[in-house]
Amino acid sequence: MTESQFNDFNERHTMPQFWIGQGYGYKDCSKDWDDIDDDEIIYIPESGYIEREVVRTDAYSKRDFINLIEMKYPRANEELKNRIAEMLFQAVDWQFPTTAVDEEWLLSDEDKERLGLDD
């Protein structure tokens, strides 16, 4: 969803919401990760909704996912940041990505060591 569509949905109080795994929210899995525009809103967690209205800080674009990974793993190269961001997007199913990025299931200690991403 584009920023303009996001604003229109909020204005009309018709923000899309559906079952996304463990809760209701918005997750656009209609395109391959590499085909998603950086500014396209692709995820809204369940608790991001307040009576079908969502503040922009609770709606995540592809760029938002990549920025989260960049903050968490600043030494990773761009391709690796992009792949980990995609993993994070695929993994979230109700929660805020800002919380999920710190979960051990995203990258194990062994993965981080192998990739040279030790915290």
PDB file of N, CA and C in Angstrom:
ATOM      1  N   MET A   1       0.850  -1.162   0.000  1.00  0.00           N
ATOM      2  CA  MET A   1       0.000   0.000   0.000  1.00  0.00           C
ATOM      3  C   MET A   1       0.900   1.231   0.000  1.00  0.00           C
ATOM      4  N   THR A   2       0.541   2.178  -0.811  1.00  0.00           N
ATOM      5  CA  THR A   2       1.323   3.408  -0.885  1.00  0.00           C
ATOM      6  C   THR A   2       0.983   4.302   0.310  1.00  0.00           C
ATOM      7  N   GLU A   3       1.805   5.299   0.529  1.00  0.00           N
ATOM      8  CA  GLU A   3       1.552   6.265   1.599  1.00  0.00           C
ATOM      9  C   GLU A   3       0.204   6.964   1.379  1.00  0.00           C
ATOM     10  N   SER A   4      -0.111   7.274   0.136  1.00  0.00           N
ATOM     11  CA  SER A   4      -1.380   7.922  -0.202  1.00  0.00           C
ATOM     12  C   SER A   4      -2.562   7.004   0.125  1.00  0.00           C
ATOM     13  N   GLN A   5      -2.459   5.738  -0.231  1.00  0.00           N
ATOM     14  CA  GLN A   5      -3.524   4.771   0.089  1.00  0.00           C
ATOM     15  C   GLN A   5      -3.676   4.633   1.603  1.00  0.00           C
ATOM     16  N   PHE A   6      -2.538   4.575   2.306  1.00  0.00           N
ATOM     17  CA  PHE A   6      -2.555   4.499   3.772  1.00  0.00           C
ATOM     18  C   PHE A   6      -3.346   5.667   4.346  1.00  0.00           C
ATOM     19  N   ASN A   7      -3.048   6.879   3.882  1.00  0.00           N
ATOM     20  CA  ASN A   7      -3.743   8.071   4.377  1.00  0.00           C
ATOM     21  C   ASN A   7      -5.232   8.032   4.046  1.00  0.00           C
ATOM     22  N   ASP A   8      -5.578   7.574   2.842  1.00  0.00           N
ATOM     23  CA  ASP A   8      -6.986   7.461   2.444  1.00  0.00           C
ATOM     24  C   ASP A   8      -7.741   6.468   3.329  1.00  0.00           C
ATOM     25  N   PHE A   9      -7.142   5.306   3.574  1.00  0.00           N
ATOM     26  CA  PHE A   9      -7.774   4.303   4.434  1.00  0.00           C
ATOM     27  C   PHE A   9      -8.019   4.873   5.832  1.00  0.00           C
ATOM     28  N   ASN A  10      -7.009   5.557   6.367  1.00  0.00           N
ATOM     29  CA  ASN A  10      -7.156   6.120   7.702  1.00  0.00           C
ATOM     30  C   ASN A  10      -8.246   7.183   7.740  1.00  0.00           C
ATOM     31  N   GLU A  11      -8.292   8.001   6.722  1.00  0.00           N
ATOM     32  CA  GLU A  11      -9.299   9.055   6.652  1.00  0.00           C
ATOM     33  C   GLU A  11     -10.711   8.474   6.652  1.00  0.00           C
ATOM     34  N   ARG A  12     -10.879   7.369   5.920  1.00  0.00           N
ATOM     35  CA  ARG A  12     -12.195   6.724   5.811  1.00  0.00           C
ATOM     36  C   ARG A  12     -12.436   5.693   6.916  1.00  0.00           C
ATOM     37  N   HIS A  13     -11.443   5.469   7.760  1.00  0.00           N
ATOM     38  CA  HIS A  13     -11.518   4.437   8.813  1.00  0.00           C
ATOM     39  C   HIS A  13     -11.802   3.057   8.223  1.00  0.00           C
ATOM     40  N   THR A  14     -11.130   2.761   7.117  1.00  0.00           N
ATOM     41  CA  THR A  14     -11.310   1.465   6.454  1.00  0.00           C
ATOM     42  C   THR A  14      -9.978   0.727   6.290  1.00  0.00           C
ATOM     43  N   MET A  15      -9.057   0.965   7.212  1.00  0.00           N
ATOM     44  CA  MET A  15      -7.742   0.331   7.113  1.00  0.00           C
ATOM     45  C   MET A  15      -7.906  -1.186   7.033  1.00  0.00           C
ATOM     46  N   PRO A  16      -7.331  -1.823   6.000  1.00  0.00           N
ATOM     47  CA  PRO A  16      -7.454  -3.285   5.875  1.00  0.00           C
ATOM     48  C   PRO A  16      -6.863  -3.989   7.095  1.00  0.00           C
ATOM     49  N   GLN A  17      -7.549  -5.026   7.510  1.00  0.00           N
ATOM     50  CA  GLN A  17      -7.097  -5.816   8.649  1.00  0.00           C
ATOM     51  C   GLN A  17      -7.594  -7.241   8.449  1.00  0.00           C
ATOM     52  N   PHE A  18      -6.691  -8.202   8.589  1.00  0.00           N
ATOM     53  CA  PHE A  18      -7.064  -9.595   8.424  1.00  0.00           C
ATOM     54  C   PHE A  18      -6.121 -10.470   9.241  1.00  0.00           C
ATOM     55  N   TRP A  19      -6.440 -11.755   9.314  1.00  0.00           N
ATOM     56  CA  TRP A  19      -5.642 -12.716  10.086  1.00  0.00           C
ATOM     57  C   TRP A  19      -4.258 -12.833   9.463  1.00  0.00           C
ATOM     58  N   ILE A  20      -3.208 -12.593  10.268  1.00  0.00           N
ATOM     59  CA  ILE A  20      -1.840 -12.632   9.732  1.00  0.00           C
ATOM     60  C   ILE A  20      -0.964 -13.671  10.423  1.00  0.00           C
ATOM     61  N   GLY A  21      -1.556 -14.614  11.110  1.00  0.00           N
ATOM     62  CA  GLY A  21      -0.775 -15.704  11.699  1.00  0.00           C
ATOM     63  C   GLY A  21      -1.126 -15.964  13.140  1.00  0.00           C
ATOM     64  N   GLN A  22      -0.919 -14.963  13.993  1.00  0.00           N
ATOM     65  CA  GLN A  22      -1.282 -15.103  15.401  1.00  0.00           C
ATOM     66  C   GLN A  22      -2.170 -13.962  15.864  1.00  0.00           C
ATOM     67  N   GLY A  23      -2.591 -13.142  14.955  1.00  0.00           N
ATOM     68  CA  GLY A  23      -3.443 -12.015  15.287  1.00  0.00           C
ATOM     69  C   GLY A  23      -3.925 -11.342  14.019  1.00  0.00           C
ATOM     70  N   TYR A  24      -4.681 -10.272  14.196  1.00  0.00           N
ATOM     71  CA  TYR A  24      -5.204  -9.518  13.063  1.00  0.00           C
ATOM     72  C   TYR A  24      -4.334  -8.293  12.823  1.00  0.00           C
ATOM     73  N   GLY A  25      -4.087  -7.990  11.562  1.00  0.00           N
ATOM     74  CA  GLY A  25      -3.279  -6.845  11.192  1.00  0.00           C
ATOM     75  C   GLY A  25      -3.245  -6.750   9.680  1.00  0.00           C
ATOM     76  N   TYR A  26      -2.170  -6.186   9.178  1.00  0.00           N
ATOM     77  CA  TYR A  26      -2.006  -6.044   7.734  1.00  0.00           C
ATOM     78  C   TYR A  26      -0.610  -6.529   7.373  1.00  0.00           C
ATOM     79  N   LYS A  27      -0.536  -7.431   6.409  1.00  0.00           N
ATOM     80  CA  LYS A  27       0.742  -7.929   5.918  1.00  0.00           C
ATOM     81  C   LYS A  27       0.572  -8.216   4.435  1.00  0.00           C
ATOM     82  N   ASP A  28       1.324  -7.487   3.624  1.00  0.00           N
ATOM     83  CA  ASP A  28       1.207  -7.642   2.177  1.00  0.00           C
ATOM     84  C   ASP A  28       2.261  -8.617   1.670  1.00  0.00           C
ATOM     85  N   CYS A  29       1.830  -9.816   1.382  1.00  0.00           N
ATOM     86  CA  CYS A  29       2.716 -10.855   0.863  1.00  0.00           C
ATOM     87  C   CYS A  29       2.443 -11.117  -0.615  1.00  0.00           C
ATOM     88  N   SER A  30       1.849 -10.141  -1.290  1.00  0.00           N
ATOM     89  CA  SER A  30       1.440 -10.341  -2.674  1.00  0.00           C
ATOM     90  C   SER A  30       2.584 -10.232  -3.679  1.00  0.00           C
ATOM     91  N   LYS A  31       3.739  -9.715  -3.238  1.00  0.00           N
ATOM     92  CA  LYS A  31       4.881  -9.550  -4.147  1.00  0.00           C
ATOM     93  C   LYS A  31       6.117 -10.199  -3.549  1.00  0.00           C
ATOM     94  N   ASP A  32       7.063 -10.511  -4.417  1.00  0.00           N
ATOM     95  CA  ASP A  32       8.367 -10.944  -3.936  1.00  0.00           C
ATOM     96  C   ASP A  32       9.051  -9.741  -3.285  1.00  0.00           C
ATOM     97  N   TRP A  33       9.847  -9.993  -2.267  1.00  0.00           N
ATOM     98  CA  TRP A  33      10.535  -8.928  -1.524  1.00  0.00           C
ATOM     99  C   TRP A  33      11.274  -7.962  -2.460  1.00  0.00           C
ATOM    100  N   ASP A  34      11.965  -8.498  -3.432  1.00  0.00           N
ATOM    101  CA  ASP A  34      12.752  -7.652  -4.333  1.00  0.00           C
ATOM    102  C   ASP A  34      11.892  -6.781  -5.242  1.00  0.00           C
ATOM    103  N   ASP A  35      10.608  -7.087  -5.358  1.00  0.00           N
ATOM    104  CA  ASP A  35       9.695  -6.306  -6.201  1.00  0.00           C
ATOM    105  C   ASP A  35       8.920  -5.241  -5.431  1.00  0.00           C
ATOM    106  N   ILE A  36       9.138  -5.173  -4.116  1.00  0.00           N
ATOM    107  CA  ILE A  36       8.432  -4.201  -3.278  1.00  0.00           C
ATOM    108  C   ILE A  36       9.211  -2.890  -3.297  1.00  0.00           C
ATOM    109  N   ASP A  37       8.504  -1.786  -3.523  1.00  0.00           N
ATOM    110  CA  ASP A  37       9.131  -0.465  -3.439  1.00  0.00           C
ATOM    111  C   ASP A  37       9.521  -0.192  -1.995  1.00  0.00           C
ATOM    112  N   ASP A  38      10.626   0.507  -1.806  1.00  0.00           N
ATOM    113  CA  ASP A  38      11.124   0.776  -0.452  1.00  0.00           C
ATOM    114  C   ASP A  38      10.116   1.495   0.440  1.00  0.00           C
ATOM    115  N   ASP A  39       9.316   2.395  -0.127  1.00  0.00           N
ATOM    116  CA  ASP A  39       8.379   3.173   0.678  1.00  0.00           C
ATOM    117  C   ASP A  39       6.989   2.559   0.786  1.00  0.00           C
ATOM    118  N   GLU A  40       6.804   1.389   0.204  1.00  0.00           N
ATOM    119  CA  GLU A  40       5.504   0.719   0.247  1.00  0.00           C
ATOM    120  C   GLU A  40       5.247   0.176   1.651  1.00  0.00           C
ATOM    121  N   ILE A  41       4.079   0.476   2.190  1.00  0.00           N
ATOM    122  CA  ILE A  41       3.703  -0.028   3.517  1.00  0.00           C
ATOM    123  C   ILE A  41       3.276  -1.477   3.366  1.00  0.00           C
ATOM    124  N   ILE A  42       3.978  -2.345   4.101  1.00  0.00           N
ATOM    125  CA  ILE A  42       3.755  -3.780   3.919  1.00  0.00           C
ATOM    126  C   ILE A  42       3.314  -4.494   5.198  1.00  0.00           C
ATOM    127  N   TYR A  43       3.352  -3.798   6.344  1.00  0.00           N
ATOM    128  CA  TYR A  43       3.022  -4.491   7.585  1.00  0.00           C
ATOM    129  C   TYR A  43       2.493  -3.519   8.633  1.00  0.00           C
ATOM    130  N   ILE A  44       1.394  -3.915   9.269  1.00  0.00           N
ATOM    131  CA  ILE A  44       0.856  -3.208  10.426  1.00  0.00           C
ATOM    132  C   ILE A  44       0.545  -4.277  11.469  1.00  0.00           C
ATOM    133  N   PRO A  45       1.200  -4.224  12.623  1.00  0.00           N
ATOM    134  CA  PRO A  45       0.951  -5.242  13.648  1.00  0.00           C
ATOM    135  C   PRO A  45      -0.427  -5.078  14.284  1.00  0.00           C
ATOM    136  N   GLU A  46      -0.867  -6.139  14.912  1.00  0.00           N
ATOM    137  CA  GLU A  46      -2.190  -6.162  15.522  1.00  0.00           C
ATOM    138  C   GLU A  46      -2.427  -4.961  16.440  1.00  0.00           C
ATOM    139  N   SER A  47      -1.497  -4.662  17.321  1.00  0.00           N
ATOM    140  CA  SER A  47      -1.721  -3.574  18.279  1.00  0.00           C
ATOM    141  C   SER A  47      -1.459  -2.199  17.682  1.00  0.00           C
ATOM    142  N   GLY A  48      -1.163  -2.126  16.388  1.00  0.00           N
ATOM    143  CA  GLY A  48      -1.029  -0.854  15.708  1.00  0.00           C
ATOM    144  C   GLY A  48      -2.374  -0.232  15.366  1.00  0.00           C
ATOM    145  N   TYR A  49      -3.431  -1.022  15.474  1.00  0.00           N
ATOM    146  CA  TYR A  49      -4.772  -0.554  15.126  1.00  0.00           C
ATOM    147  C   TYR A  49      -5.478   0.032  16.347  1.00  0.00           C
ATOM    148  N   ILE A  50      -6.042   1.192  16.161  1.00  0.00           N
ATOM    149  CA  ILE A  50      -6.907   1.794  17.170  1.00  0.00           C
ATOM    150  C   ILE A  50      -8.184   2.143  16.420  1.00  0.00           C
ATOM    151  N   GLU A  51      -9.182   1.290  16.580  1.00  0.00           N
ATOM    152  CA  GLU A  51     -10.456   1.491  15.880  1.00  0.00           C
ATOM    153  C   GLU A  51     -10.255   1.710  14.381  1.00  0.00           C
ATOM    154  N   ARG A  52      -9.459   0.855  13.775  1.00  0.00           N
ATOM    155  CA  ARG A  52      -9.179   0.829  12.335  1.00  0.00           C
ATOM    156  C   ARG A  52      -8.407   2.046  11.841  1.00  0.00           C
ATOM    157  N   GLU A  53      -7.863   2.825  12.759  1.00  0.00           N
ATOM    158  CA  GLU A  53      -6.972   3.920  12.387  1.00  0.00           C
ATOM    159  C   GLU A  53      -5.571   3.554  12.867  1.00  0.00           C
ATOM    160  N   VAL A  54      -4.584   3.909  12.080  1.00  0.00           N
ATOM    161  CA  VAL A  54      -3.202   3.532  12.382  1.00  0.00           C
ATOM    162  C   VAL A  54      -2.318   4.762  12.239  1.00  0.00           C
ATOM    163  N   VAL A  55      -1.475   5.013  13.246  1.00  0.00           N
ATOM    164  CA  VAL A  55      -0.512   6.097  13.088  1.00  0.00           C
ATOM    165  C   VAL A  55       0.634   5.584  12.224  1.00  0.00           C
ATOM    166  N   ARG A  56       1.240   6.482  11.469  1.00  0.00           N
ATOM    167  CA  ARG A  56       2.270   6.069  10.510  1.00  0.00           C
ATOM    168  C   ARG A  56       3.437   5.344  11.183  1.00  0.00           C
ATOM    169  N   THR A  57       3.766   5.698  12.415  1.00  0.00           N
ATOM    170  CA  THR A  57       4.880   5.035  13.098  1.00  0.00           C
ATOM    171  C   THR A  57       4.582   3.578  13.420  1.00  0.00           C
ATOM    172  N   ASP A  58       3.326   3.177  13.341  1.00  0.00           N
ATOM    173  CA  ASP A  58       2.945   1.781  13.574  1.00  0.00           C
ATOM    174  C   ASP A  58       2.731   1.014  12.279  1.00  0.00           C
ATOM    175  N   ALA A  59       2.967   1.654  11.144  1.00  0.00           N
ATOM    176  CA  ALA A  59       2.843   1.024   9.830  1.00  0.00           C
ATOM    177  C   ALA A  59       4.243   0.955   9.228  1.00  0.00           C
ATOM    178  N   TYR A  60       4.671  -0.225   8.835  1.00  0.00           N
ATOM    179  CA  TYR A  60       6.061  -0.442   8.421  1.00  0.00           C
ATOM    180  C   TYR A  60       6.192  -0.623   6.914  1.00  0.00           C
ATOM    181  N   SER A  61       7.112   0.115   6.348  1.00  0.00           N
ATOM    182  CA  SER A  61       7.451  -0.027   4.933  1.00  0.00           C
ATOM    183  C   SER A  61       8.652  -0.974   4.816  1.00  0.00           C
ATOM    184  N   LYS A  62       8.973  -1.336   3.606  1.00  0.00           N
ATOM    185  CA  LYS A  62      10.160  -2.151   3.375  1.00  0.00           C
ATOM    186  C   LYS A  62      11.390  -1.431   3.919  1.00  0.00           C
ATOM    187  N   ARG A  63      11.477  -0.125   3.674  1.00  0.00           N
ATOM    188  CA  ARG A  63      12.607   0.667   4.168  1.00  0.00           C
ATOM    189  C   ARG A  63      12.683   0.621   5.695  1.00  0.00           C
ATOM    190  N   ASP A  64      11.534   0.639   6.374  1.00  0.00           N
ATOM    191  CA  ASP A  64      11.520   0.565   7.837  1.00  0.00           C
ATOM    192  C   ASP A  64      12.141  -0.747   8.319  1.00  0.00           C
ATOM    193  N   PHE A  65      11.813  -1.846   7.644  1.00  0.00           N
ATOM    194  CA  PHE A  65      12.401  -3.138   8.010  1.00  0.00           C
ATOM    195  C   PHE A  65      13.918  -3.114   7.802  1.00  0.00           C
ATOM    196  N   ILE A  66      14.361  -2.580   6.684  1.00  0.00           N
ATOM    197  CA  ILE A  66      15.797  -2.517   6.399  1.00  0.00           C
ATOM    198  C   ILE A  66      16.500  -1.614   7.416  1.00  0.00           C
ATOM    199  N   ASN A  67      15.889  -0.493   7.768  1.00  0.00           N
ATOM    200  CA  ASN A  67      16.481   0.408   8.760  1.00  0.00           C
ATOM    201  C   ASN A  67      16.618  -0.256  10.124  1.00  0.00           C
ATOM    202  N   LEU A  68      15.643  -1.074  10.506  1.00  0.00           N
ATOM    203  CA  LEU A  68      15.743  -1.813  11.765  1.00  0.00           C
ATOM    204  C   LEU A  68      16.958  -2.737  11.761  1.00  0.00           C
ATOM    205  N   ILE A  69      17.162  -3.411  10.653  1.00  0.00           N
ATOM    206  CA  ILE A  69      18.303  -4.328  10.545  1.00  0.00           C
ATOM    207  C   ILE A  69      19.602  -3.537  10.507  1.00  0.00           C
ATOM    208  N   GLU A  70      19.598  -2.417   9.846  1.00  0.00           N
ATOM    209  CA  GLU A  70      20.790  -1.578   9.786  1.00  0.00           C
ATOM    210  C   GLU A  70      21.204  -1.102  11.181  1.00  0.00           C
ATOM    211  N   MET A  71      20.226  -0.750  12.009  1.00  0.00           N
ATOM    212  CA  MET A  71      20.537  -0.343  13.386  1.00  0.00           C
ATOM    213  C   MET A  71      21.047  -1.515  14.215  1.00  0.00           C
ATOM    214  N   LYS A  72      20.470  -2.688  13.986  1.00  0.00           N
ATOM    215  CA  LYS A  72      20.844  -3.871  14.759  1.00  0.00           C
ATOM    216  C   LYS A  72      22.196  -4.436  14.313  1.00  0.00           C
ATOM    217  N   TYR A  73      22.446  -4.438  12.995  1.00  0.00           N
ATOM    218  CA  TYR A  73      23.668  -5.022  12.437  1.00  0.00           C
ATOM    219  C   TYR A  73      24.349  -4.026  11.498  1.00  0.00           C
ATOM    220  N   PRO A  74      24.916  -2.953  12.023  1.00  0.00           N
ATOM    221  CA  PRO A  74      25.496  -1.904  11.167  1.00  0.00           C
ATOM    222  C   PRO A  74      26.669  -2.378  10.309  1.00  0.00           C
ATOM    223  N   ARG A  75      27.332  -3.445  10.709  1.00  0.00           N
ATOM    224  CA  ARG A  75      28.490  -3.929   9.933  1.00  0.00           C
ATOM    225  C   ARG A  75      28.096  -4.823   8.767  1.00  0.00           C
ATOM    226  N   ALA A  76      26.840  -5.201   8.678  1.00  0.00           N
ATOM    227  CA  ALA A  76      26.401  -6.065   7.573  1.00  0.00           C
ATOM    228  C   ALA A  76      26.413  -5.279   6.268  1.00  0.00           C
ATOM    229  N   ASN A  77      26.737  -5.970   5.177  1.00  0.00           N
ATOM    230  CA  ASN A  77      26.689  -5.300   3.874  1.00  0.00           C
ATOM    231  C   ASN A  77      25.226  -5.116   3.459  1.00  0.00           C
ATOM    232  N   GLU A  78      25.006  -4.311   2.428  1.00  0.00           N
ATOM    233  CA  GLU A  78      23.638  -3.964   2.016  1.00  0.00           C
ATOM    234  C   GLU A  78      22.820  -5.190   1.628  1.00  0.00           C
ATOM    235  N   GLU A  79      23.410  -6.115   0.915  1.00  0.00           N
ATOM    236  CA  GLU A  79      22.672  -7.315   0.498  1.00  0.00           C
ATOM    237  C   GLU A  79      22.251  -8.146   1.705  1.00  0.00           C
ATOM    238  N   LEU A  80      23.153  -8.287   2.666  1.00  0.00           N
ATOM    239  CA  LEU A  80      22.832  -9.057   3.863  1.00  0.00           C
ATOM    240  C   LEU A  80      21.746  -8.359   4.688  1.00  0.00           C
ATOM    241  N   LYS A  81      21.828  -7.046   4.834  1.00  0.00           N
ATOM    242  CA  LYS A  81      20.791  -6.294   5.554  1.00  0.00           C
ATOM    243  C   LYS A  81      19.431  -6.507   4.887  1.00  0.00           C
ATOM    244  N   ASN A  82      19.425  -6.471   3.579  1.00  0.00           N
ATOM    245  CA  ASN A  82      18.195  -6.664   2.829  1.00  0.00           C
ATOM    246  C   ASN A  82      17.626  -8.063   3.073  1.00  0.00           C
ATOM    247  N   ARG A  83      18.477  -9.091   3.062  1.00  0.00           N
ATOM    248  CA  ARG A  83      18.008 -10.474   3.270  1.00  0.00           C
ATOM    249  C   ARG A  83      17.501 -10.687   4.692  1.00  0.00           C
ATOM    250  N   ILE A  84      18.196 -10.104   5.679  1.00  0.00           N
ATOM    251  CA  ILE A  84      17.743 -10.255   7.071  1.00  0.00           C
ATOM    252  C   ILE A  84      16.431  -9.494   7.268  1.00  0.00           C
ATOM    253  N   ALA A  85      16.295  -8.334   6.633  1.00  0.00           N
ATOM    254  CA  ALA A  85      15.038  -7.577   6.703  1.00  0.00           C
ATOM    255  C   ALA A  85      13.895  -8.409   6.132  1.00  0.00           C
ATOM    256  N   GLU A  86      14.165  -9.095   5.033  1.00  0.00           N
ATOM    257  CA  GLU A  86      13.143  -9.971   4.445  1.00  0.00           C
ATOM    258  C   GLU A  86      12.777 -11.090   5.417  1.00  0.00           C
ATOM    259  N   MET A  87      13.763 -11.673   6.072  1.00  0.00           N
ATOM    260  CA  MET A  87      13.503 -12.722   7.071  1.00  0.00           C
ATOM    261  C   MET A  87      12.617 -12.182   8.193  1.00  0.00           C
ATOM    262  N   LEU A  88      12.915 -10.980   8.654  1.00  0.00           N
ATOM    263  CA  LEU A  88      12.131 -10.365   9.724  1.00  0.00           C
ATOM    264  C   LEU A  88      10.692 -10.154   9.261  1.00  0.00           C
ATOM    265  N   PHE A  89      10.524  -9.633   8.054  1.00  0.00           N
ATOM    266  CA  PHE A  89       9.180  -9.428   7.519  1.00  0.00           C
ATOM    267  C   PHE A  89       8.420 -10.755   7.438  1.00  0.00           C
ATOM    268  N   GLN A  90       9.064 -11.793   6.937  1.00  0.00           N
ATOM    269  CA  GLN A  90       8.398 -13.091   6.823  1.00  0.00           C
ATOM    270  C   GLN A  90       8.027 -13.651   8.194  1.00  0.00           C
ATOM    271  N   ALA A  91       8.820 -13.332   9.213  1.00  0.00           N
ATOM    272  CA  ALA A  91       8.625 -13.923  10.536  1.00  0.00           C
ATOM    273  C   ALA A  91       7.533 -13.256  11.362  1.00  0.00           C
ATOM    274  N   VAL A  92       7.350 -11.950  11.231  1.00  0.00           N
ATOM    275  CA  VAL A  92       6.371 -11.277  12.090  1.00  0.00           C
ATOM    276  C   VAL A  92       4.956 -11.686  11.693  1.00  0.00           C
ATOM    277  N   ASP A  93       4.138 -11.941  12.732  1.00  0.00           N
ATOM    278  CA  ASP A  93       2.768 -12.368  12.445  1.00  0.00           C
ATOM    279  C   ASP A  93       1.762 -11.802  13.440  1.00  0.00           C
ATOM    280  N   TRP A  94       2.156 -10.843  14.202  1.00  0.00           N
ATOM    281  CA  TRP A  94       1.260 -10.072  15.064  1.00  0.00           C
ATOM    282  C   TRP A  94       2.003  -8.951  15.772  1.00  0.00           C
ATOM    283  N   GLN A  95       3.308  -9.144  16.002  1.00  0.00           N
ATOM    284  CA  GLN A  95       4.078  -8.255  16.853  1.00  0.00           C
ATOM    285  C   GLN A  95       4.736  -7.100  16.083  1.00  0.00           C
ATOM    286  N   PHE A  96       5.219  -6.138  16.848  1.00  0.00           N
ATOM    287  CA  PHE A  96       5.966  -5.042  16.248  1.00  0.00           C
ATOM    288  C   PHE A  96       7.346  -5.534  15.809  1.00  0.00           C
ATOM    289  N   PRO A  97       7.779  -5.201  14.608  1.00  0.00           N
ATOM    290  CA  PRO A  97       9.117  -5.585  14.148  1.00  0.00           C
ATOM    291  C   PRO A  97      10.228  -5.046  15.051  1.00  0.00           C
ATOM    292  N   THR A  98       9.992  -3.910  15.690  1.00  0.00           N
ATOM    293  CA  THR A  98      10.993  -3.338  16.588  1.00  0.00           C
ATOM    294  C   THR A  98      11.262  -4.252  17.780  1.00  0.00           C
ATOM    295  N   THR A  99      10.289  -5.032  18.165  1.00  0.00           N
ATOM    296  CA  THR A  99      10.466  -6.016  19.237  1.00  0.00           C
ATOM    297  C   THR A  99      11.030  -7.312  18.672  1.00  0.00           C
ATOM    298  N   ALA A 100      10.479  -7.749  17.557  1.00  0.00           N
ATOM    299  CA  ALA A 100      10.870  -9.036  16.972  1.00  0.00           C
ATOM    300  C   ALA A 100      12.326  -9.053  16.514  1.00  0.00           C
ATOM    301  N   VAL A 101      12.880  -7.912  16.140  1.00  0.00           N
ATOM    302  CA  VAL A 101      14.259  -7.870  15.643  1.00  0.00           C
ATOM    303  C   VAL A 101      15.251  -8.313  16.723  1.00  0.00           C
ATOM    304  N   ASP A 102      14.874  -8.223  17.985  1.00  0.00           N
ATOM    305  CA  ASP A 102      15.749  -8.638  19.079  1.00  0.00           C
ATOM    306  C   ASP A 102      15.554 -10.085  19.503  1.00  0.00           C
ATOM    307  N   GLU A 103      14.598 -10.767  18.909  1.00  0.00           N
ATOM    308  CA  GLU A 103      14.326 -12.156  19.264  1.00  0.00           C
ATOM    309  C   GLU A 103      15.421 -13.068  18.724  1.00  0.00           C
ATOM    310  N   GLU A 104      15.789 -14.063  19.494  1.00  0.00           N
ATOM    311  CA  GLU A 104      16.859 -14.983  19.103  1.00  0.00           C
ATOM    312  C   GLU A 104      16.517 -15.833  17.881  1.00  0.00           C
ATOM    313  N   TRP A 105      15.227 -16.041  17.603  1.00  0.00           N
ATOM    314  CA  TRP A 105      14.857 -16.891  16.472  1.00  0.00           C
ATOM    315  C   TRP A 105      15.195 -16.251  15.142  1.00  0.00           C
ATOM    316  N   LEU A 106      15.402 -14.939  15.116  1.00  0.00           N
ATOM    317  CA  LEU A 106      15.711 -14.298  13.845  1.00  0.00           C
ATOM    318  C   LEU A 106      17.091 -14.743  13.364  1.00  0.00           C
ATOM    319  N   LEU A 107      18.101 -14.530  14.178  1.00  0.00           N
ATOM    320  CA  LEU A 107      19.453 -15.015  13.885  1.00  0.00           C
ATOM    321  C   LEU A 107      20.017 -15.605  15.168  1.00  0.00           C
ATOM    322  N   SER A 108      20.423 -16.841  15.112  1.00  0.00           N
ATOM    323  CA  SER A 108      21.025 -17.466  16.286  1.00  0.00           C
ATOM    324  C   SER A 108      22.425 -16.885  16.496  1.00  0.00           C
ATOM    325  N   ASP A 109      22.989 -17.117  17.663  1.00  0.00           N
ATOM    326  CA  ASP A 109      24.359 -16.673  17.934  1.00  0.00           C
ATOM    327  C   ASP A 109      25.325 -17.276  16.924  1.00  0.00           C
ATOM    328  N   GLU A 110      25.061 -18.521  16.553  1.00  0.00           N
ATOM    329  CA  GLU A 110      25.897 -19.207  15.563  1.00  0.00           C
ATOM    330  C   GLU A 110      25.819 -18.505  14.198  1.00  0.00           C
ATOM    331  N   ASP A 111      24.602 -18.133  13.782  1.00  0.00           N
ATOM    332  CA  ASP A 111      24.427 -17.404  12.524  1.00  0.00           C
ATOM    333  C   ASP A 111      25.177 -16.074  12.558  1.00  0.00           C
ATOM    334  N   LYS A 112      25.021 -15.334  13.666  1.00  0.00           N
ATOM    335  CA  LYS A 112      25.683 -14.030  13.788  1.00  0.00           C
ATOM    336  C   LYS A 112      27.198 -14.163  13.708  1.00  0.00           C
ATOM    337  N   GLU A 113      27.718 -15.184  14.367  1.00  0.00           N
ATOM    338  CA  GLU A 113      29.174 -15.396  14.336  1.00  0.00           C
ATOM    339  C   GLU A 113      29.628 -15.747  12.925  1.00  0.00           C
ATOM    340  N   ARG A 114      28.906 -16.639  12.270  1.00  0.00           N
ATOM    341  CA  ARG A 114      29.243 -17.061  10.915  1.00  0.00           C
ATOM    342  C   ARG A 114      29.217 -15.890   9.935  1.00  0.00           C
ATOM    343  N   LEU A 115      28.286 -14.966  10.140  1.00  0.00           N
ATOM    344  CA  LEU A 115      28.140 -13.820   9.247  1.00  0.00           C
ATOM    345  C   LEU A 115      28.976 -12.609   9.687  1.00  0.00           C
ATOM    346  N   GLY A 116      29.687 -12.755  10.816  1.00  0.00           N
ATOM    347  CA  GLY A 116      30.493 -11.654  11.330  1.00  0.00           C
ATOM    348  C   GLY A 116      29.667 -10.518  11.888  1.00  0.00           C
ATOM    349  N   LEU A 117      28.526 -10.852  12.506  1.00  0.00           N
ATOM    350  CA  LEU A 117      27.605  -9.838  13.008  1.00  0.00           C
ATOM    351  C   LEU A 117      27.481  -9.845  14.520  1.00  0.00           C
ATOM    352  N   ASP A 118      28.449 -10.353  15.203  1.00  0.00           N
ATOM    353  CA  ASP A 118      28.367 -10.405  16.675  1.00  0.00           C
ATOM    354  C   ASP A 118      28.029  -9.026  17.207  1.00  0.00           C
ATOM    355  N   ASP A 119      27.071  -8.982  18.132  1.00  0.00           N
ATOM    356  CA  ASP A 119      26.670  -7.690  18.742  1.00  0.00           C
ATOM    357  C   ASP A 119      27.818  -7.068  19.492  1.00  0.00           C
TER     358      ASP A 119
END
